Amino acid sequence: MYWGKVISAFFIIMALTTGVGFIYAASSYELIIATAMNLIATTLKLGSRSRYGPEILATSFAADLHLIPAVYIYFVSGDAKSAQGLVLGSVVANIISLIFVIIGYIRSDEEM
């Protein structure tokens, strides 16, 4: 088992699930955790040389660019609805990223 892929997938899924948790409950803790998990996942994707690496990294950047303003809006202006809307955008980006990761895993198994 390749532990690098396991850890990367773990952080992608954690960012996705905590983002969904924030949309449901609007908890400041979940927003911070979702942002941290996504930033860690982005960092792990930086060295990827997989076939879908650029697409996966682009979706991670898109999620980051939704989560960082969501944190600012939530804590500075207190507008939870706008923050939830931005987090929803990051959830969509993380779902697309997860789809690319799954396709990459399936394709790499076929090539072996």
PDB file of N, CA and C in Angstrom:
ATOM      1  N   MET A   1       0.840  -1.170   0.000  1.00  0.00           N
ATOM      2  CA  MET A   1       0.000   0.000   0.000  1.00  0.00           C
ATOM      3  C   MET A   1       0.890   1.239   0.000  1.00  0.00           C
ATOM      4  N   TYR A   2       0.536   2.209  -0.811  1.00  0.00           N
ATOM      5  CA  TYR A   2       1.298   3.444  -0.913  1.00  0.00           C
ATOM      6  C   TYR A   2       0.695   4.458   0.059  1.00  0.00           C
ATOM      7  N   TRP A   3       1.396   4.692   1.175  1.00  0.00           N
ATOM      8  CA  TRP A   3       0.861   5.512   2.258  1.00  0.00           C
ATOM      9  C   TRP A   3       0.717   6.987   1.882  1.00  0.00           C
ATOM     10  N   GLY A   4       1.510   7.451   0.927  1.00  0.00           N
ATOM     11  CA  GLY A   4       1.370   8.838   0.483  1.00  0.00           C
ATOM     12  C   GLY A   4       0.003   9.101  -0.114  1.00  0.00           C
ATOM     13  N   LYS A   5      -0.488   8.142  -0.902  1.00  0.00           N
ATOM     14  CA  LYS A   5      -1.821   8.286  -1.497  1.00  0.00           C
ATOM     15  C   LYS A   5      -2.910   8.201  -0.424  1.00  0.00           C
ATOM     16  N   VAL A   6      -2.691   7.331   0.563  1.00  0.00           N
ATOM     17  CA  VAL A   6      -3.674   7.187   1.647  1.00  0.00           C
ATOM     18  C   VAL A   6      -3.788   8.489   2.429  1.00  0.00           C
ATOM     19  N   ILE A   7      -2.658   9.073   2.772  1.00  0.00           N
ATOM     20  CA  ILE A   7      -2.665  10.312   3.557  1.00  0.00           C
ATOM     21  C   ILE A   7      -3.278  11.456   2.749  1.00  0.00           C
ATOM     22  N   SER A   8      -2.917  11.557   1.482  1.00  0.00           N
ATOM     23  CA  SER A   8      -3.483  12.600   0.633  1.00  0.00           C
ATOM     24  C   SER A   8      -4.995  12.454   0.506  1.00  0.00           C
ATOM     25  N   ALA A   9      -5.464  11.243   0.250  1.00  0.00           N
ATOM     26  CA  ALA A   9      -6.906  11.001   0.143  1.00  0.00           C
ATOM     27  C   ALA A   9      -7.605  11.293   1.468  1.00  0.00           C
ATOM     28  N   PHE A  10      -6.959  10.959   2.571  1.00  0.00           N
ATOM     29  CA  PHE A  10      -7.538  11.237   3.896  1.00  0.00           C
ATOM     30  C   PHE A  10      -7.808  12.727   4.070  1.00  0.00           C
ATOM     31  N   PHE A  11      -6.815  13.568   3.729  1.00  0.00           N
ATOM     32  CA  PHE A  11      -7.003  15.004   3.909  1.00  0.00           C
ATOM     33  C   PHE A  11      -8.028  15.579   2.939  1.00  0.00           C
ATOM     34  N   ILE A  12      -8.110  15.032   1.731  1.00  0.00           N
ATOM     35  CA  ILE A  12      -9.147  15.473   0.791  1.00  0.00           C
ATOM     36  C   ILE A  12     -10.527  15.162   1.361  1.00  0.00           C
ATOM     37  N   ILE A  13     -10.695  13.957   1.871  1.00  0.00           N
ATOM     38  CA  ILE A  13     -11.993  13.546   2.423  1.00  0.00           C
ATOM     39  C   ILE A  13     -12.317  14.324   3.695  1.00  0.00           C
ATOM     40  N   MET A  14     -11.305  14.565   4.540  1.00  0.00           N
ATOM     41  CA  MET A  14     -11.553  15.353   5.755  1.00  0.00           C
ATOM     42  C   MET A  14     -11.974  16.779   5.416  1.00  0.00           C
ATOM     43  N   ALA A  15     -11.329  17.384   4.425  1.00  0.00           N
ATOM     44  CA  ALA A  15     -11.719  18.737   4.018  1.00  0.00           C
ATOM     45  C   ALA A  15     -13.152  18.743   3.497  1.00  0.00           C
ATOM     46  N   LEU A  16     -13.486  17.722   2.726  1.00  0.00           N
ATOM     47  CA  LEU A  16     -14.837  17.620   2.176  1.00  0.00           C
ATOM     48  C   LEU A  16     -15.876  17.437   3.280  1.00  0.00           C
ATOM     49  N   THR A  17     -15.645  16.509   4.177  1.00  0.00           N
ATOM     50  CA  THR A  17     -16.651  16.206   5.199  1.00  0.00           C
ATOM     51  C   THR A  17     -16.787  17.314   6.233  1.00  0.00           C
ATOM     52  N   THR A  18     -15.688  17.959   6.602  1.00  0.00           N
ATOM     53  CA  THR A  18     -15.826  19.072   7.549  1.00  0.00           C
ATOM     54  C   THR A  18     -16.459  20.294   6.883  1.00  0.00           C
ATOM     55  N   GLY A  19     -16.250  20.454   5.576  1.00  0.00           N
ATOM     56  CA  GLY A  19     -16.949  21.514   4.853  1.00  0.00           C
ATOM     57  C   GLY A  19     -18.449  21.288   4.860  1.00  0.00           C
ATOM     58  N   VAL A  20     -18.855  20.056   4.628  1.00  0.00           N
ATOM     59  CA  VAL A  20     -20.280  19.719   4.676  1.00  0.00           C
ATOM     60  C   VAL A  20     -20.814  19.928   6.093  1.00  0.00           C
ATOM     61  N   GLY A  21     -20.016  19.567   7.087  1.00  0.00           N
ATOM     62  CA  GLY A  21     -20.424  19.792   8.481  1.00  0.00           C
ATOM     63  C   GLY A  21     -20.636  21.266   8.779  1.00  0.00           C
ATOM     64  N   PHE A  22     -19.771  22.124   8.226  1.00  0.00           N
ATOM     65  CA  PHE A  22     -19.951  23.563   8.437  1.00  0.00           C
ATOM     66  C   PHE A  22     -21.221  24.062   7.764  1.00  0.00           C
ATOM     67  N   ILE A  23     -21.496  23.571   6.569  1.00  0.00           N
ATOM     68  CA  ILE A  23     -22.726  23.991   5.877  1.00  0.00           C
ATOM     69  C   ILE A  23     -23.943  23.609   6.708  1.00  0.00           C
ATOM     70  N   TYR A  24     -23.892  22.465   7.350  1.00  0.00           N
ATOM     71  CA  TYR A  24     -25.020  21.990   8.154  1.00  0.00           C
ATOM     72  C   TYR A  24     -25.140  22.758   9.473  1.00  0.00           C
ATOM     73  N   ALA A  25     -24.021  22.940  10.192  1.00  0.00           N
ATOM     74  CA  ALA A  25     -24.090  23.465  11.553  1.00  0.00           C
ATOM     75  C   ALA A  25     -23.557  24.883  11.725  1.00  0.00           C
ATOM     76  N   ALA A  26     -22.805  25.410  10.772  1.00  0.00           N
ATOM     77  CA  ALA A  26     -22.211  26.746  10.841  1.00  0.00           C
ATOM     78  C   ALA A  26     -21.378  26.949  12.108  1.00  0.00           C
ATOM     79  N   SER A  27     -20.582  25.926  12.444  1.00  0.00           N
ATOM     80  CA  SER A  27     -19.706  25.997  13.602  1.00  0.00           C
ATOM     81  C   SER A  27     -18.356  26.572  13.190  1.00  0.00           C
ATOM     82  N   SER A  28     -17.867  27.511  13.976  1.00  0.00           N
ATOM     83  CA  SER A  28     -16.582  28.129  13.662  1.00  0.00           C
ATOM     84  C   SER A  28     -15.449  27.101  13.706  1.00  0.00           C
ATOM     85  N   TYR A  29     -15.549  26.123  14.585  1.00  0.00           N
ATOM     86  CA  TYR A  29     -14.521  25.080  14.673  1.00  0.00           C
ATOM     87  C   TYR A  29     -14.446  24.271  13.383  1.00  0.00           C
ATOM     88  N   GLU A  30     -15.600  23.940  12.842  1.00  0.00           N
ATOM     89  CA  GLU A  30     -15.609  23.166  11.599  1.00  0.00           C
ATOM     90  C   GLU A  30     -15.046  23.959  10.433  1.00  0.00           C
ATOM     91  N   LEU A  31     -15.302  25.252  10.412  1.00  0.00           N
ATOM     92  CA  LEU A  31     -14.760  26.088   9.344  1.00  0.00           C
ATOM     93  C   LEU A  31     -13.231  26.137   9.423  1.00  0.00           C
ATOM     94  N   ILE A  32     -12.702  26.297  10.610  1.00  0.00           N
ATOM     95  CA  ILE A  32     -11.247  26.324  10.787  1.00  0.00           C
ATOM     96  C   ILE A  32     -10.638  24.972  10.436  1.00  0.00           C
ATOM     97  N   ILE A  33     -11.264  23.895  10.878  1.00  0.00           N
ATOM     98  CA  ILE A  33     -10.744  22.553  10.577  1.00  0.00           C
ATOM     99  C   ILE A  33     -10.813  22.278   9.078  1.00  0.00           C
ATOM    100  N   ALA A  34     -11.916  22.635   8.435  1.00  0.00           N
ATOM    101  CA  ALA A  34     -12.046  22.422   6.990  1.00  0.00           C
ATOM    102  C   ALA A  34     -10.971  23.193   6.233  1.00  0.00           C
ATOM    103  N   THR A  35     -10.722  24.425   6.647  1.00  0.00           N
ATOM    104  CA  THR A  35      -9.694  25.231   5.993  1.00  0.00           C
ATOM    105  C   THR A  35      -8.313  24.623   6.206  1.00  0.00           C
ATOM    106  N   ALA A  36      -8.016  24.219   7.424  1.00  0.00           N
ATOM    107  CA  ALA A  36      -6.709  23.613   7.713  1.00  0.00           C
ATOM    108  C   ALA A  36      -6.519  22.316   6.937  1.00  0.00           C
ATOM    109  N   MET A  37      -7.554  21.470   6.907  1.00  0.00           N
ATOM    110  CA  MET A  37      -7.450  20.196   6.180  1.00  0.00           C
ATOM    111  C   MET A  37      -7.238  20.446   4.688  1.00  0.00           C
ATOM    112  N   ASN A  38      -7.919  21.444   4.149  1.00  0.00           N
ATOM    113  CA  ASN A  38      -7.779  21.726   2.728  1.00  0.00           C
ATOM    114  C   ASN A  38      -6.393  22.290   2.406  1.00  0.00           C
ATOM    115  N   LEU A  39      -5.864  23.139   3.267  1.00  0.00           N
ATOM    116  CA  LEU A  39      -4.521  23.678   3.042  1.00  0.00           C
ATOM    117  C   LEU A  39      -3.464  22.573   3.130  1.00  0.00           C
ATOM    118  N   ILE A  40      -3.649  21.635   4.054  1.00  0.00           N
ATOM    119  CA  ILE A  40      -2.735  20.498   4.147  1.00  0.00           C
ATOM    120  C   ILE A  40      -2.846  19.635   2.893  1.00  0.00           C
ATOM    121  N   ALA A  41      -4.077  19.388   2.434  1.00  0.00           N
ATOM    122  CA  ALA A  41      -4.281  18.593   1.218  1.00  0.00           C
ATOM    123  C   ALA A  41      -3.634  19.281   0.013  1.00  0.00           C
ATOM    124  N   THR A  42      -3.743  20.601  -0.062  1.00  0.00           N
ATOM    125  CA  THR A  42      -3.110  21.338  -1.157  1.00  0.00           C
ATOM    126  C   THR A  42      -1.603  21.173  -1.104  1.00  0.00           C
ATOM    127  N   THR A  43      -1.043  21.271   0.073  1.00  0.00           N
ATOM    128  CA  THR A  43       0.401  21.113   0.231  1.00  0.00           C
ATOM    129  C   THR A  43       0.847  19.721  -0.200  1.00  0.00           C
ATOM    130  N   LEU A  44       0.067  18.706   0.145  1.00  0.00           N
ATOM    131  CA  LEU A  44       0.419  17.336  -0.233  1.00  0.00           C
ATOM    132  C   LEU A  44       0.317  17.124  -1.746  1.00  0.00           C
ATOM    133  N   LYS A  45      -0.550  17.867  -2.408  1.00  0.00           N
ATOM    134  CA  LYS A  45      -0.744  17.714  -3.850  1.00  0.00           C
ATOM    135  C   LYS A  45       0.316  18.442  -4.674  1.00  0.00           C
ATOM    136  N   LEU A  46       1.077  19.324  -4.043  1.00  0.00           N
ATOM    137  CA  LEU A  46       2.051  20.124  -4.790  1.00  0.00           C
ATOM    138  C   LEU A  46       3.098  19.275  -5.502  1.00  0.00           C
ATOM    139  N   GLY A  47       3.510  18.164  -4.934  1.00  0.00           N
ATOM    140  CA  GLY A  47       4.543  17.344  -5.556  1.00  0.00           C
ATOM    141  C   GLY A  47       4.017  16.207  -6.400  1.00  0.00           C
ATOM    142  N   SER A  48       2.730  16.170  -6.628  1.00  0.00           N
ATOM    143  CA  SER A  48       2.131  15.057  -7.362  1.00  0.00           C
ATOM    144  C   SER A  48       2.545  15.067  -8.825  1.00  0.00           C
ATOM    145  N   ARG A  49       2.930  13.892  -9.300  1.00  0.00           N
ATOM    146  CA  ARG A  49       3.294  13.748 -10.710  1.00  0.00           C
ATOM    147  C   ARG A  49       2.356  12.751 -11.408  1.00  0.00           C
ATOM    148  N   SER A  50       1.172  12.641 -10.870  1.00  0.00           N
ATOM    149  CA  SER A  50       0.220  11.712 -11.462  1.00  0.00           C
ATOM    150  C   SER A  50      -0.366  12.301 -12.742  1.00  0.00           C
ATOM    151  N   ARG A  51      -1.076  11.463 -13.463  1.00  0.00           N
ATOM    152  CA  ARG A  51      -1.686  11.884 -14.721  1.00  0.00           C
ATOM    153  C   ARG A  51      -2.663  13.049 -14.515  1.00  0.00           C
ATOM    154  N   TYR A  52      -3.419  13.007 -13.442  1.00  0.00           N
ATOM    155  CA  TYR A  52      -4.414  14.039 -13.169  1.00  0.00           C
ATOM    156  C   TYR A  52      -3.942  15.030 -12.104  1.00  0.00           C
ATOM    157  N   GLY A  53      -2.648  15.072 -11.844  1.00  0.00           N
ATOM    158  CA  GLY A  53      -2.087  15.959 -10.831  1.00  0.00           C
ATOM    159  C   GLY A  53      -2.432  17.419 -11.018  1.00  0.00           C
ATOM    160  N   PRO A  54      -2.282  17.970 -12.236  1.00  0.00           N
ATOM    161  CA  PRO A  54      -2.624  19.388 -12.419  1.00  0.00           C
ATOM    162  C   PRO A  54      -4.107  19.694 -12.154  1.00  0.00           C
ATOM    163  N   GLU A  55      -4.973  18.800 -12.562  1.00  0.00           N
ATOM    164  CA  GLU A  55      -6.409  19.017 -12.339  1.00  0.00           C
ATOM    165  C   GLU A  55      -6.741  18.930 -10.849  1.00  0.00           C
ATOM    166  N   ILE A  56      -6.138  17.969 -10.172  1.00  0.00           N
ATOM    167  CA  ILE A  56      -6.380  17.806  -8.740  1.00  0.00           C
ATOM    168  C   ILE A  56      -5.866  19.021  -7.979  1.00  0.00           C
ATOM    169  N   LEU A  57      -4.695  19.507  -8.351  1.00  0.00           N
ATOM    170  CA  LEU A  57      -4.142  20.695  -7.696  1.00  0.00           C
ATOM    171  C   LEU A  57      -5.004  21.927  -7.982  1.00  0.00           C
ATOM    172  N   ALA A  58      -5.506  22.046  -9.199  1.00  0.00           N
ATOM    173  CA  ALA A  58      -6.368  23.190  -9.540  1.00  0.00           C
ATOM    174  C   ALA A  58      -7.652  23.180  -8.722  1.00  0.00           C
ATOM    175  N   THR A  59      -8.250  22.014  -8.527  1.00  0.00           N
ATOM    176  CA  THR A  59      -9.469  21.952  -7.714  1.00  0.00           C
ATOM    177  C   THR A  59      -9.160  22.287  -6.261  1.00  0.00           C
ATOM    178  N   SER A  60      -7.977  21.913  -5.800  1.00  0.00           N
ATOM    179  CA  SER A  60      -7.590  22.240  -4.437  1.00  0.00           C
ATOM    180  C   SER A  60      -7.385  23.742  -4.269  1.00  0.00           C
ATOM    181  N   PHE A  61      -6.768  24.379  -5.257  1.00  0.00           N
ATOM    182  CA  PHE A  61      -6.617  25.839  -5.211  1.00  0.00           C
ATOM    183  C   PHE A  61      -7.987  26.515  -5.223  1.00  0.00           C
ATOM    184  N   ALA A  62      -8.906  25.990  -6.021  1.00  0.00           N
ATOM    185  CA  ALA A  62     -10.262  26.563  -6.064  1.00  0.00           C
ATOM    186  C   ALA A  62     -10.927  26.450  -4.696  1.00  0.00           C
ATOM    187  N   ALA A  63     -10.769  25.305  -4.049  1.00  0.00           N
ATOM    188  CA  ALA A  63     -11.347  25.130  -2.713  1.00  0.00           C
ATOM    189  C   ALA A  63     -10.703  26.090  -1.716  1.00  0.00           C
ATOM    190  N   ASP A  64      -9.371  26.251  -1.797  1.00  0.00           N
ATOM    191  CA  ASP A  64      -8.687  27.199  -0.911  1.00  0.00           C
ATOM    192  C   ASP A  64      -9.216  28.617  -1.107  1.00  0.00           C
ATOM    193  N   LEU A  65      -9.425  28.981  -2.373  1.00  0.00           N
ATOM    194  CA  LEU A  65      -9.886  30.334  -2.665  1.00  0.00           C
ATOM    195  C   LEU A  65     -11.362  30.546  -2.330  1.00  0.00           C
ATOM    196  N   HIS A  66     -12.043  29.495  -1.929  1.00  0.00           N
ATOM    197  CA  HIS A  66     -13.383  29.635  -1.356  1.00  0.00           C
ATOM    198  C   HIS A  66     -13.314  29.667   0.167  1.00  0.00           C
ATOM    199  N   LEU A  67     -12.453  28.826   0.735  1.00  0.00           N
ATOM    200  CA  LEU A  67     -12.409  28.702   2.194  1.00  0.00           C
ATOM    201  C   LEU A  67     -11.762  29.901   2.885  1.00  0.00           C
ATOM    202  N   ILE A  68     -10.694  30.422   2.314  1.00  0.00           N
ATOM    203  CA  ILE A  68     -10.011  31.544   2.967  1.00  0.00           C
ATOM    204  C   ILE A  68     -10.918  32.772   3.067  1.00  0.00           C
ATOM    205  N   PRO A  69     -11.609  33.175   1.986  1.00  0.00           N
ATOM    206  CA  PRO A  69     -12.567  34.280   2.150  1.00  0.00           C
ATOM    207  C   PRO A  69     -13.732  33.925   3.081  1.00  0.00           C
ATOM    208  N   ALA A  70     -14.125  32.651   3.112  1.00  0.00           N
ATOM    209  CA  ALA A  70     -15.214  32.253   4.017  1.00  0.00           C
ATOM    210  C   ALA A  70     -14.813  32.476   5.472  1.00  0.00           C
ATOM    211  N   VAL A  71     -13.567  32.154   5.806  1.00  0.00           N
ATOM    212  CA  VAL A  71     -13.077  32.391   7.171  1.00  0.00           C
ATOM    213  C   VAL A  71     -13.114  33.889   7.483  1.00  0.00           C
ATOM    214  N   TYR A  72     -12.646  34.689   6.550  1.00  0.00           N
ATOM    215  CA  TYR A  72     -12.640  36.144   6.749  1.00  0.00           C
ATOM    216  C   TYR A  72     -14.062  36.673   6.934  1.00  0.00           C
ATOM    217  N   ILE A  73     -14.953  36.274   6.052  1.00  0.00           N
ATOM    218  CA  ILE A  73     -16.336  36.763   6.116  1.00  0.00           C
ATOM    219  C   ILE A  73     -17.017  36.313   7.406  1.00  0.00           C
ATOM    220  N   TYR A  74     -16.776  35.074   7.794  1.00  0.00           N
ATOM    221  CA  TYR A  74     -17.435  34.536   8.985  1.00  0.00           C
ATOM    222  C   TYR A  74     -16.958  35.232  10.259  1.00  0.00           C
ATOM    223  N   PHE A  75     -15.649  35.439  10.376  1.00  0.00           N
ATOM    224  CA  PHE A  75     -15.112  35.991  11.616  1.00  0.00           C
ATOM    225  C   PHE A  75     -15.085  37.518  11.652  1.00  0.00           C
ATOM    226  N   VAL A  76     -14.982  38.170  10.514  1.00  0.00           N
ATOM    227  CA  VAL A  76     -14.922  39.634  10.514  1.00  0.00           C
ATOM    228  C   VAL A  76     -16.320  40.247  10.437  1.00  0.00           C
ATOM    229  N   SER A  77     -17.114  39.791   9.458  1.00  0.00           N
ATOM    230  CA  SER A  77     -18.437  40.400   9.319  1.00  0.00           C
ATOM    231  C   SER A  77     -19.537  39.604  10.017  1.00  0.00           C
ATOM    232  N   GLY A  78     -19.250  38.359  10.369  1.00  0.00           N
ATOM    233  CA  GLY A  78     -20.248  37.534  11.061  1.00  0.00           C
ATOM    234  C   GLY A  78     -21.361  37.043  10.167  1.00  0.00           C
ATOM    235  N   ASP A  79     -21.167  37.094   8.868  1.00  0.00           N
ATOM    236  CA  ASP A  79     -22.187  36.681   7.906  1.00  0.00           C
ATOM    237  C   ASP A  79     -22.061  35.174   7.633  1.00  0.00           C
ATOM    238  N   ALA A  80     -22.796  34.386   8.399  1.00  0.00           N
ATOM    239  CA  ALA A  80     -22.699  32.929   8.290  1.00  0.00           C
ATOM    240  C   ALA A  80     -23.258  32.419   6.965  1.00  0.00           C
ATOM    241  N   LYS A  81     -24.295  33.044   6.454  1.00  0.00           N
ATOM    242  CA  LYS A  81     -24.895  32.577   5.185  1.00  0.00           C
ATOM    243  C   LYS A  81     -23.922  32.732   4.016  1.00  0.00           C
ATOM    244  N   SER A  82     -23.247  33.867   3.933  1.00  0.00           N
ATOM    245  CA  SER A  82     -22.271  34.061   2.860  1.00  0.00           C
ATOM    246  C   SER A  82     -21.107  33.095   3.005  1.00  0.00           C
ATOM    247  N   ALA A  83     -20.674  32.873   4.238  1.00  0.00           N
ATOM    248  CA  ALA A  83     -19.589  31.918   4.484  1.00  0.00           C
ATOM    249  C   ALA A  83     -20.020  30.511   4.077  1.00  0.00           C
ATOM    250  N   GLN A  84     -21.255  30.147   4.385  1.00  0.00           N
ATOM    251  CA  GLN A  84     -21.757  28.826   3.992  1.00  0.00           C
ATOM    252  C   GLN A  84     -21.804  28.683   2.475  1.00  0.00           C
ATOM    253  N   GLY A  85     -22.156  29.750   1.783  1.00  0.00           N
ATOM    254  CA  GLY A  85     -22.175  29.707   0.326  1.00  0.00           C
ATOM    255  C   GLY A  85     -20.787  29.477  -0.244  1.00  0.00           C
ATOM    256  N   LEU A  86     -19.794  30.153   0.320  1.00  0.00           N
ATOM    257  CA  LEU A  86     -18.418  29.948  -0.139  1.00  0.00           C
ATOM    258  C   LEU A  86     -17.922  28.543   0.187  1.00  0.00           C
ATOM    259  N   VAL A  87     -18.278  28.053   1.357  1.00  0.00           N
ATOM    260  CA  VAL A  87     -17.870  26.695   1.737  1.00  0.00           C
ATOM    261  C   VAL A  87     -18.543  25.675   0.823  1.00  0.00           C
ATOM    262  N   LEU A  88     -19.760  25.945   0.394  1.00  0.00           N
ATOM    263  CA  LEU A  88     -20.414  25.054  -0.567  1.00  0.00           C
ATOM    264  C   LEU A  88     -19.605  24.977  -1.857  1.00  0.00           C
ATOM    265  N   GLY A  89     -19.059  26.095  -2.300  1.00  0.00           N
ATOM    266  CA  GLY A  89     -18.190  26.089  -3.471  1.00  0.00           C
ATOM    267  C   GLY A  89     -16.956  25.233  -3.252  1.00  0.00           C
ATOM    268  N   SER A  90     -16.379  25.289  -2.056  1.00  0.00           N
ATOM    269  CA  SER A  90     -15.206  24.453  -1.767  1.00  0.00           C
ATOM    270  C   SER A  90     -15.582  22.974  -1.713  1.00  0.00           C
ATOM    271  N   VAL A  91     -16.769  22.678  -1.245  1.00  0.00           N
ATOM    272  CA  VAL A  91     -17.232  21.287  -1.217  1.00  0.00           C
ATOM    273  C   VAL A  91     -17.356  20.747  -2.636  1.00  0.00           C
ATOM    274  N   VAL A  92     -17.900  21.547  -3.527  1.00  0.00           N
ATOM    275  CA  VAL A  92     -18.010  21.124  -4.932  1.00  0.00           C
ATOM    276  C   VAL A  92     -16.619  20.881  -5.514  1.00  0.00           C
ATOM    277  N   ALA A  93     -15.682  21.797  -5.251  1.00  0.00           N
ATOM    278  CA  ALA A  93     -14.313  21.628  -5.752  1.00  0.00           C
ATOM    279  C   ALA A  93     -13.675  20.359  -5.177  1.00  0.00           C
ATOM    280  N   ASN A  94     -13.925  20.081  -3.897  1.00  0.00           N
ATOM    281  CA  ASN A  94     -13.360  18.871  -3.279  1.00  0.00           C
ATOM    282  C   ASN A  94     -14.002  17.596  -3.830  1.00  0.00           C
ATOM    283  N   ILE A  95     -15.274  17.652  -4.182  1.00  0.00           N
ATOM    284  CA  ILE A  95     -15.922  16.494  -4.802  1.00  0.00           C
ATOM    285  C   ILE A  95     -15.287  16.217  -6.167  1.00  0.00           C
ATOM    286  N   ILE A  96     -15.063  17.276  -6.933  1.00  0.00           N
ATOM    287  CA  ILE A  96     -14.411  17.103  -8.238  1.00  0.00           C
ATOM    288  C   ILE A  96     -13.004  16.560  -8.059  1.00  0.00           C
ATOM    289  N   SER A  97     -12.284  17.055  -7.066  1.00  0.00           N
ATOM    290  CA  SER A  97     -10.943  16.561  -6.771  1.00  0.00           C
ATOM    291  C   SER A  97     -10.973  15.080  -6.416  1.00  0.00           C
ATOM    292  N   LEU A  98     -11.929  14.699  -5.598  1.00  0.00           N
ATOM    293  CA  LEU A  98     -12.054  13.299  -5.201  1.00  0.00           C
ATOM    294  C   LEU A  98     -12.379  12.416  -6.400  1.00  0.00           C
ATOM    295  N   ILE A  99     -13.189  12.905  -7.313  1.00  0.00           N
ATOM    296  CA  ILE A  99     -13.499  12.145  -8.533  1.00  0.00           C
ATOM    297  C   ILE A  99     -12.229  11.930  -9.350  1.00  0.00           C
ATOM    298  N   PHE A 100     -11.416  12.987  -9.499  1.00  0.00           N
ATOM    299  CA  PHE A 100     -10.144  12.834 -10.217  1.00  0.00           C
ATOM    300  C   PHE A 100      -9.216  11.844  -9.517  1.00  0.00           C
ATOM    301  N   VAL A 101      -9.174  11.890  -8.199  1.00  0.00           N
ATOM    302  CA  VAL A 101      -8.326  10.955  -7.452  1.00  0.00           C
ATOM    303  C   VAL A 101      -8.792   9.522  -7.683  1.00  0.00           C
ATOM    304  N   ILE A 102     -10.085   9.289  -7.631  1.00  0.00           N
ATOM    305  CA  ILE A 102     -10.622   7.939  -7.843  1.00  0.00           C
ATOM    306  C   ILE A 102     -10.329   7.465  -9.256  1.00  0.00           C
ATOM    307  N   ILE A 103     -10.533   8.325 -10.237  1.00  0.00           N
ATOM    308  CA  ILE A 103     -10.227   7.959 -11.626  1.00  0.00           C
ATOM    309  C   ILE A 103      -8.743   7.633 -11.762  1.00  0.00           C
ATOM    310  N   GLY A 104      -7.892   8.435 -11.138  1.00  0.00           N
ATOM    311  CA  GLY A 104      -6.454   8.181 -11.191  1.00  0.00           C
ATOM    312  C   GLY A 104      -6.078   6.848 -10.565  1.00  0.00           C
ATOM    313  N   TYR A 105      -6.709   6.497  -9.440  1.00  0.00           N
ATOM    314  CA  TYR A 105      -6.442   5.209  -8.802  1.00  0.00           C
ATOM    315  C   TYR A 105      -6.888   4.053  -9.690  1.00  0.00           C
ATOM    316  N   ILE A 106      -8.061   4.190 -10.289  1.00  0.00           N
ATOM    317  CA  ILE A 106      -8.570   3.134 -11.168  1.00  0.00           C
ATOM    318  C   ILE A 106      -7.672   2.979 -12.384  1.00  0.00           C
ATOM    319  N   ARG A 107      -7.277   4.086 -12.974  1.00  0.00           N
ATOM    320  CA  ARG A 107      -6.418   4.031 -14.176  1.00  0.00           C
ATOM    321  C   ARG A 107      -5.039   3.469 -13.847  1.00  0.00           C
ATOM    322  N   SER A 108      -4.504   3.779 -12.662  1.00  0.00           N
ATOM    323  CA  SER A 108      -3.186   3.254 -12.309  1.00  0.00           C
ATOM    324  C   SER A 108      -3.232   1.751 -12.056  1.00  0.00           C
ATOM    325  N   ASP A 109      -4.367   1.251 -11.558  1.00  0.00           N
ATOM    326  CA  ASP A 109      -4.523  -0.197 -11.361  1.00  0.00           C
ATOM    327  C   ASP A 109      -4.629  -0.911 -12.713  1.00  0.00           C
ATOM    328  N   GLU A 110      -5.272  -0.268 -13.704  1.00  0.00           N
ATOM    329  CA  GLU A 110      -5.417  -0.872 -15.025  1.00  0.00           C
ATOM    330  C   GLU A 110      -4.079  -0.968 -15.740  1.00  0.00           C
ATOM    331  N   GLU A 111      -3.182  -0.028 -15.471  1.00  0.00           N
ATOM    332  CA  GLU A 111      -1.903   0.014 -16.157  1.00  0.00           C
ATOM    333  C   GLU A 111      -0.910  -0.982 -15.609  1.00  0.00           C
ATOM    334  N   MET A 112      -1.184  -1.543 -14.446  1.00  0.00           N
ATOM    335  CA  MET A 112      -0.247  -2.494 -13.829  1.00  0.00           C
ATOM    336  C   MET A 112      -0.349  -3.867 -14.428  1.00  0.00           C
TER     337      MET A 112
END
